[in-house]
Amino acid sequence: MNRRERLELEVSNIQEKIDKASKDVPSHILNSWKKDLVSLEFELNNLVDGEEDNNY
């Protein structure tokens, strides 16, 4: 699995966690997940072709 695929999977997992979060989840936890999502999306959007082939 290359870096792009890993990031796409992580983005998908966090988005699903946010979407399915119960109303009992504290707002600071939900905000932390959202920040993580933004960071991962930023990293994914800024990958260059050479980085996609690297196995981290």
Protein backbone atom coordinates (compact mmCIF):
# COMPACT_ATOMS: atom_id res chain seq x y z
CA MET A 1 0.00 0.00 0.00
CA ASN A 2 1.53 3.30 -1.04
CA ARG A 3 1.41 6.56 0.88
CA ARG A 4 -1.58 7.93 -1.06
CA GLU A 5 -3.64 4.81 -0.38
CA ARG A 6 -2.74 4.92 3.32
CA LEU A 7 -3.73 8.57 3.61
CA GLU A 8 -6.99 7.94 1.74
CA LEU A 9 -7.78 5.09 4.13
CA GLU A 10 -6.98 7.21 7.19
CA VAL A 11 -9.13 10.08 5.86
CA SER A 12 -11.98 7.67 5.24
CA ASN A 13 -11.69 6.12 8.71
CA ILE A 14 -11.64 9.44 10.53
CA GLN A 15 -14.51 10.81 8.43
CA GLU A 16 -16.55 7.74 9.28
CA LYS A 17 -15.70 8.12 12.98
CA ILE A 18 -16.85 11.76 12.88
CA ASP A 19 -20.02 10.91 10.96
CA LYS A 20 -20.96 8.09 13.32
CA ALA A 21 -19.99 9.84 16.55
CA SER A 22 -22.68 9.75 19.18
CA LYS A 23 -23.94 12.92 20.77
CA ASP A 24 -22.15 11.84 23.95
CA VAL A 25 -18.71 12.45 22.42
CA PRO A 26 -17.20 15.52 24.09
CA SER A 27 -16.78 18.49 21.78
CA HIS A 28 -13.01 18.68 22.38
CA ILE A 29 -12.63 15.09 21.15
CA LEU A 30 -14.75 15.77 18.08
CA ASN A 31 -12.74 18.92 17.37
CA SER A 32 -9.52 16.93 17.68
CA TRP A 33 -10.78 14.39 15.14
CA LYS A 34 -11.75 17.20 12.78
CA LYS A 35 -8.27 18.75 13.08
CA ASP A 36 -6.73 15.36 12.34
CA LEU A 37 -8.96 15.05 9.29
CA VAL A 38 -7.93 18.47 8.00
CA SER A 39 -4.25 17.63 8.51
CA LEU A 40 -4.55 14.33 6.66
CA GLU A 41 -6.50 15.90 3.81
CA PHE A 42 -3.89 18.63 3.53
CA GLU A 43 -1.09 16.06 3.40
CA LEU A 44 -2.98 13.99 0.84
CA ASN A 45 -3.68 16.98 -1.38
CA ASN A 46 -0.04 18.04 -1.30
CA LEU A 47 1.53 14.72 -2.23
CA VAL A 48 3.74 14.84 -5.27
CA ASP A 49 4.13 11.90 -7.61
CA GLY A 50 7.49 10.82 -6.19
CA GLU A 51 6.15 10.66 -2.65
CA GLU A 52 3.25 8.42 -3.62
CA ASP A 53 5.58 5.55 -4.46
CA ASN A 54 7.50 5.68 -1.19
CA ASN A 55 6.49 3.11 1.36
CA TYR A 56 6.52 4.81 4.74
